[in-house]
Amino acid sequence: MIIGVISDIHHDGQHENDVLTTSLNNMVKNGATALIMAGDIRDVHAKRDKALSIITCCFTA
């Protein structure tokens, strides 16, 4: 099993969305089937929802 690891998602806009999406897609392309998120995903609920949405799209069940 290959597990991707990502830490401290500072989600402040479209650039960060693009970087997160590219990073996760690269993990999946290289065989990751699971993700460990160490650290935090921002305190602002609306921005946290967007990050979790991107993660869900990249790591589908």
PDB file of N, CA and C in Angstrom:
ATOM      1  N   MET A   1       0.842  -1.172   0.000  1.00  0.00           N
ATOM      2  CA  MET A   1       0.000   0.000   0.000  1.00  0.00           C
ATOM      3  C   MET A   1       0.889   1.237   0.000  1.00  0.00           C
ATOM      4  N   ILE A   2       0.578   2.169  -0.863  1.00  0.00           N
ATOM      5  CA  ILE A   2       1.296   3.442  -0.919  1.00  0.00           C
ATOM      6  C   ILE A   2       0.392   4.511  -0.319  1.00  0.00           C
ATOM      7  N   ILE A   3       0.926   5.257   0.633  1.00  0.00           N
ATOM      8  CA  ILE A   3       0.165   6.290   1.329  1.00  0.00           C
ATOM      9  C   ILE A   3       0.817   7.640   1.081  1.00  0.00           C
ATOM     10  N   GLY A   4       0.032   8.612   0.630  1.00  0.00           N
ATOM     11  CA  GLY A   4       0.514   9.977   0.449  1.00  0.00           C
ATOM     12  C   GLY A   4       0.462  10.719   1.775  1.00  0.00           C
ATOM     13  N   VAL A   5       1.372  11.649   1.970  1.00  0.00           N
ATOM     14  CA  VAL A   5       1.411  12.447   3.196  1.00  0.00           C
ATOM     15  C   VAL A   5       1.429  13.919   2.815  1.00  0.00           C
ATOM     16  N   ILE A   6       0.577  14.695   3.467  1.00  0.00           N
ATOM     17  CA  ILE A   6       0.540  16.135   3.222  1.00  0.00           C
ATOM     18  C   ILE A   6       0.375  16.825   4.575  1.00  0.00           C
ATOM     19  N   SER A   7       0.961  18.000   4.719  1.00  0.00           N
ATOM     20  CA  SER A   7       0.937  18.689   6.006  1.00  0.00           C
ATOM     21  C   SER A   7       0.555  20.152   5.839  1.00  0.00           C
ATOM     22  N   ASP A   8      -0.174  20.662   6.802  1.00  0.00           N
ATOM     23  CA  ASP A   8      -0.485  22.091   6.913  1.00  0.00           C
ATOM     24  C   ASP A   8      -0.972  22.704   5.605  1.00  0.00           C
ATOM     25  N   ILE A   9      -2.219  22.450   5.265  1.00  0.00           N
ATOM     26  CA  ILE A   9      -2.807  23.021   4.058  1.00  0.00           C
ATOM     27  C   ILE A   9      -3.244  24.448   4.366  1.00  0.00           C
ATOM     28  N   HIS A  10      -2.507  25.412   3.855  1.00  0.00           N
ATOM     29  CA  HIS A  10      -2.880  26.816   4.019  1.00  0.00           C
ATOM     30  C   HIS A  10      -3.645  27.209   2.767  1.00  0.00           C
ATOM     31  N   HIS A  11      -4.938  27.252   2.886  1.00  0.00           N
ATOM     32  CA  HIS A  11      -5.839  27.315   1.752  1.00  0.00           C
ATOM     33  C   HIS A  11      -6.388  28.727   1.626  1.00  0.00           C
ATOM     34  N   ASP A  12      -5.687  29.599   0.880  1.00  0.00           N
ATOM     35  CA  ASP A  12      -6.068  31.008   0.827  1.00  0.00           C
ATOM     36  C   ASP A  12      -6.537  31.489  -0.536  1.00  0.00           C
ATOM     37  N   GLY A  13      -6.686  30.618  -1.507  1.00  0.00           N
ATOM     38  CA  GLY A  13      -7.139  31.095  -2.805  1.00  0.00           C
ATOM     39  C   GLY A  13      -6.931  30.086  -3.912  1.00  0.00           C
ATOM     40  N   GLN A  14      -7.137  30.531  -5.143  1.00  0.00           N
ATOM     41  CA  GLN A  14      -7.075  29.639  -6.295  1.00  0.00           C
ATOM     42  C   GLN A  14      -5.694  29.024  -6.491  1.00  0.00           C
ATOM     43  N   HIS A  15      -4.637  29.792  -6.252  1.00  0.00           N
ATOM     44  CA  HIS A  15      -3.289  29.234  -6.407  1.00  0.00           C
ATOM     45  C   HIS A  15      -3.097  28.025  -5.490  1.00  0.00           C
ATOM     46  N   GLU A  16      -3.520  28.159  -4.238  1.00  0.00           N
ATOM     47  CA  GLU A  16      -3.400  27.053  -3.296  1.00  0.00           C
ATOM     48  C   GLU A  16      -4.277  25.876  -3.716  1.00  0.00           C
ATOM     49  N   ASN A  17      -5.478  26.157  -4.270  1.00  0.00           N
ATOM     50  CA  ASN A  17      -6.336  25.083  -4.798  1.00  0.00           C
ATOM     51  C   ASN A  17      -5.601  24.308  -5.879  1.00  0.00           C
ATOM     52  N   ASP A  18      -4.970  25.040  -6.790  1.00  0.00           N
ATOM     53  CA  ASP A  18      -4.252  24.411  -7.903  1.00  0.00           C
ATOM     54  C   ASP A  18      -3.073  23.573  -7.412  1.00  0.00           C
ATOM     55  N   VAL A  19      -2.316  24.107  -6.464  1.00  0.00           N
ATOM     56  CA  VAL A  19      -1.163  23.378  -5.915  1.00  0.00           C
ATOM     57  C   VAL A  19      -1.626  22.109  -5.201  1.00  0.00           C
ATOM     58  N   LEU A  20      -2.681  22.219  -4.404  1.00  0.00           N
ATOM     59  CA  LEU A  20      -3.209  21.053  -3.698  1.00  0.00           C
ATOM     60  C   LEU A  20      -3.692  19.998  -4.689  1.00  0.00           C
ATOM     61  N   THR A  21      -4.447  20.417  -5.694  1.00  0.00           N
ATOM     62  CA  THR A  21      -4.956  19.482  -6.699  1.00  0.00           C
ATOM     63  C   THR A  21      -3.822  18.786  -7.436  1.00  0.00           C
ATOM     64  N   THR A  22      -2.825  19.542  -7.867  1.00  0.00           N
ATOM     65  CA  THR A  22      -1.682  18.958  -8.575  1.00  0.00           C
ATOM     66  C   THR A  22      -0.933  17.975  -7.682  1.00  0.00           C
ATOM     67  N   SER A  23      -0.706  18.349  -6.437  1.00  0.00           N
ATOM     68  CA  SER A  23       0.009  17.470  -5.499  1.00  0.00           C
ATOM     69  C   SER A  23      -0.734  16.158  -5.283  1.00  0.00           C
ATOM     70  N   LEU A  24      -2.033  16.254  -5.056  1.00  0.00           N
ATOM     71  CA  LEU A  24      -2.819  15.043  -4.816  1.00  0.00           C
ATOM     72  C   LEU A  24      -2.905  14.172  -6.062  1.00  0.00           C
ATOM     73  N   ASN A  25      -3.086  14.797  -7.219  1.00  0.00           N
ATOM     74  CA  ASN A  25      -3.124  14.023  -8.463  1.00  0.00           C
ATOM     75  C   ASN A  25      -1.804  13.307  -8.709  1.00  0.00           C
ATOM     76  N   ASN A  26      -0.685  13.954  -8.381  1.00  0.00           N
ATOM     77  CA  ASN A  26       0.627  13.308  -8.519  1.00  0.00           C
ATOM     78  C   ASN A  26       0.753  12.114  -7.577  1.00  0.00           C
ATOM     79  N   MET A  27       0.235  12.247  -6.361  1.00  0.00           N
ATOM     80  CA  MET A  27       0.265  11.126  -5.421  1.00  0.00           C
ATOM     81  C   MET A  27      -0.520   9.943  -5.976  1.00  0.00           C
ATOM     82  N   VAL A  28      -1.723  10.220  -6.475  1.00  0.00           N
ATOM     83  CA  VAL A  28      -2.568   9.155  -7.023  1.00  0.00           C
ATOM     84  C   VAL A  28      -1.906   8.526  -8.243  1.00  0.00           C
ATOM     85  N   LYS A  29      -1.329   9.368  -9.108  1.00  0.00           N
ATOM     86  CA  LYS A  29      -0.665   8.871 -10.310  1.00  0.00           C
ATOM     87  C   LYS A  29       0.503   7.949  -9.960  1.00  0.00           C
ATOM     88  N   ASN A  30       1.117   8.187  -8.806  1.00  0.00           N
ATOM     89  CA  ASN A  30       2.248   7.365  -8.374  1.00  0.00           C
ATOM     90  C   ASN A  30       1.827   6.212  -7.470  1.00  0.00           C
ATOM     91  N   GLY A  31       0.536   5.928  -7.420  1.00  0.00           N
ATOM     92  CA  GLY A  31       0.058   4.735  -6.744  1.00  0.00           C
ATOM     93  C   GLY A  31      -0.507   4.897  -5.350  1.00  0.00           C
ATOM     94  N   ALA A  32      -0.584   6.118  -4.837  1.00  0.00           N
ATOM     95  CA  ALA A  32      -1.134   6.300  -3.492  1.00  0.00           C
ATOM     96  C   ALA A  32      -2.621   5.954  -3.492  1.00  0.00           C
ATOM     97  N   THR A  33      -3.020   5.176  -2.513  1.00  0.00           N
ATOM     98  CA  THR A  33      -4.427   4.810  -2.369  1.00  0.00           C
ATOM     99  C   THR A  33      -5.022   5.346  -1.076  1.00  0.00           C
ATOM    100  N   ALA A  34      -4.199   6.007  -0.283  1.00  0.00           N
ATOM    101  CA  ALA A  34      -4.650   6.591   0.975  1.00  0.00           C
ATOM    102  C   ALA A  34      -3.850   7.863   1.231  1.00  0.00           C
ATOM    103  N   LEU A  35      -4.344   8.673   2.155  1.00  0.00           N
ATOM    104  CA  LEU A  35      -3.720   9.960   2.449  1.00  0.00           C
ATOM    105  C   LEU A  35      -3.677  10.173   3.953  1.00  0.00           C
ATOM    106  N   ILE A  36      -2.516  10.577   4.444  1.00  0.00           N
ATOM    107  CA  ILE A  36      -2.372  11.006   5.833  1.00  0.00           C
ATOM    108  C   ILE A  36      -2.154  12.510   5.806  1.00  0.00           C
ATOM    109  N   MET A  37      -2.964  13.227   6.585  1.00  0.00           N
ATOM    110  CA  MET A  37      -2.814  14.678   6.675  1.00  0.00           C
ATOM    111  C   MET A  37      -2.325  15.018   8.073  1.00  0.00           C
ATOM    112  N   ALA A  38      -1.061  15.357   8.160  1.00  0.00           N
ATOM    113  CA  ALA A  38      -0.496  15.789   9.438  1.00  0.00           C
ATOM    114  C   ALA A  38      -0.653  17.298   9.533  1.00  0.00           C
ATOM    115  N   GLY A  39      -0.886  17.798  10.699  1.00  0.00           N
ATOM    116  CA  GLY A  39      -1.034  19.243  10.847  1.00  0.00           C
ATOM    117  C   GLY A  39      -2.481  19.668  10.724  1.00  0.00           C
ATOM    118  N   ASP A  40      -2.684  20.899  10.300  1.00  0.00           N
ATOM    119  CA  ASP A  40      -4.033  21.457  10.274  1.00  0.00           C
ATOM    120  C   ASP A  40      -4.464  21.820   8.853  1.00  0.00           C
ATOM    121  N   ILE A  41      -5.770  21.987   8.679  1.00  0.00           N
ATOM    122  CA  ILE A  41      -6.312  22.414   7.387  1.00  0.00           C
ATOM    123  C   ILE A  41      -7.054  23.729   7.578  1.00  0.00           C
ATOM    124  N   ARG A  42      -6.420  24.698   8.123  1.00  0.00           N
ATOM    125  CA  ARG A  42      -7.003  26.029   8.227  1.00  0.00           C
ATOM    126  C   ARG A  42      -8.116  26.058   9.260  1.00  0.00           C
ATOM    127  N   ASP A  43      -8.392  27.213   9.780  1.00  0.00           N
ATOM    128  CA  ASP A  43      -9.452  27.387  10.765  1.00  0.00           C
ATOM    129  C   ASP A  43     -10.749  27.898  10.152  1.00  0.00           C
ATOM    130  N   VAL A  44     -10.686  28.473   8.973  1.00  0.00           N
ATOM    131  CA  VAL A  44     -11.874  29.045   8.343  1.00  0.00           C
ATOM    132  C   VAL A  44     -12.688  27.922   7.701  1.00  0.00           C
ATOM    133  N   HIS A  45     -13.896  27.708   8.180  1.00  0.00           N
ATOM    134  CA  HIS A  45     -14.718  26.573   7.756  1.00  0.00           C
ATOM    135  C   HIS A  45     -14.922  26.518   6.245  1.00  0.00           C
ATOM    136  N   ALA A  46     -15.234  27.631   5.615  1.00  0.00           N
ATOM    137  CA  ALA A  46     -15.489  27.645   4.167  1.00  0.00           C
ATOM    138  C   ALA A  46     -14.256  27.208   3.388  1.00  0.00           C
ATOM    139  N   LYS A  47     -13.094  27.632   3.821  1.00  0.00           N
ATOM    140  CA  LYS A  47     -11.862  27.250   3.132  1.00  0.00           C
ATOM    141  C   LYS A  47     -11.508  25.797   3.413  1.00  0.00           C
ATOM    142  N   ARG A  48     -11.805  25.325   4.596  1.00  0.00           N
ATOM    143  CA  ARG A  48     -11.555  23.925   4.935  1.00  0.00           C
ATOM    144  C   ARG A  48     -12.438  23.017   4.070  1.00  0.00           C
ATOM    145  N   ASP A  49     -13.679  23.422   3.862  1.00  0.00           N
ATOM    146  CA  ASP A  49     -14.585  22.641   3.018  1.00  0.00           C
ATOM    147  C   ASP A  49     -14.049  22.505   1.602  1.00  0.00           C
ATOM    148  N   LYS A  50     -13.476  23.565   1.051  1.00  0.00           N
ATOM    149  CA  LYS A  50     -12.931  23.506  -0.308  1.00  0.00           C
ATOM    150  C   LYS A  50     -11.755  22.537  -0.362  1.00  0.00           C
ATOM    151  N   ALA A  51     -10.877  22.580   0.620  1.00  0.00           N
ATOM    152  CA  ALA A  51      -9.737  21.659   0.649  1.00  0.00           C
ATOM    153  C   ALA A  51     -10.218  20.218   0.743  1.00  0.00           C
ATOM    154  N   LEU A  52     -11.185  19.954   1.599  1.00  0.00           N
ATOM    155  CA  LEU A  52     -11.701  18.593   1.736  1.00  0.00           C
ATOM    156  C   LEU A  52     -12.406  18.138   0.464  1.00  0.00           C
ATOM    157  N   SER A  53     -13.056  19.057  -0.231  1.00  0.00           N
ATOM    158  CA  SER A  53     -13.697  18.736  -1.504  1.00  0.00           C
ATOM    159  C   SER A  53     -12.662  18.314  -2.546  1.00  0.00           C
ATOM    160  N   ILE A  54     -11.548  19.029  -2.608  1.00  0.00           N
ATOM    161  CA  ILE A  54     -10.468  18.689  -3.547  1.00  0.00           C
ATOM    162  C   ILE A  54      -9.897  17.316  -3.203  1.00  0.00           C
ATOM    163  N   ILE A  55      -9.686  17.059  -1.928  1.00  0.00           N
ATOM    164  CA  ILE A  55      -9.149  15.764  -1.499  1.00  0.00           C
ATOM    165  C   ILE A  55     -10.111  14.640  -1.889  1.00  0.00           C
ATOM    166  N   THR A  56     -11.395  14.843  -1.646  1.00  0.00           N
ATOM    167  CA  THR A  56     -12.398  13.831  -1.986  1.00  0.00           C
ATOM    168  C   THR A  56     -12.424  13.546  -3.479  1.00  0.00           C
ATOM    169  N   CYS A  57     -12.281  14.581  -4.292  1.00  0.00           N
ATOM    170  CA  CYS A  57     -12.279  14.391  -5.748  1.00  0.00           C
ATOM    171  C   CYS A  57     -11.050  13.604  -6.214  1.00  0.00           C
ATOM    172  N   CYS A  58      -9.915  13.834  -5.593  1.00  0.00           N
ATOM    173  CA  CYS A  58      -8.681  13.165  -6.013  1.00  0.00           C
ATOM    174  C   CYS A  58      -8.588  11.740  -5.486  1.00  0.00           C
ATOM    175  N   PHE A  59      -9.067  11.501  -4.279  1.00  0.00           N
ATOM    176  CA  PHE A  59      -9.018  10.173  -3.664  1.00  0.00           C
ATOM    177  C   PHE A  59     -10.431   9.607  -3.591  1.00  0.00           C
ATOM    178  N   THR A  60     -10.926   9.125  -4.712  1.00  0.00           N
ATOM    179  CA  THR A  60     -12.264   8.544  -4.750  1.00  0.00           C
ATOM    180  C   THR A  60     -12.219   7.099  -4.277  1.00  0.00           C
ATOM    181  N   ALA A  61     -13.305   6.660  -3.719  1.00  0.00           N
ATOM    182  CA  ALA A  61     -13.379   5.279  -3.204  1.00  0.00           C
ATOM    183  C   ALA A  61     -13.654   4.297  -4.321  1.00  0.00           C
TER     184      ALA A  61
END
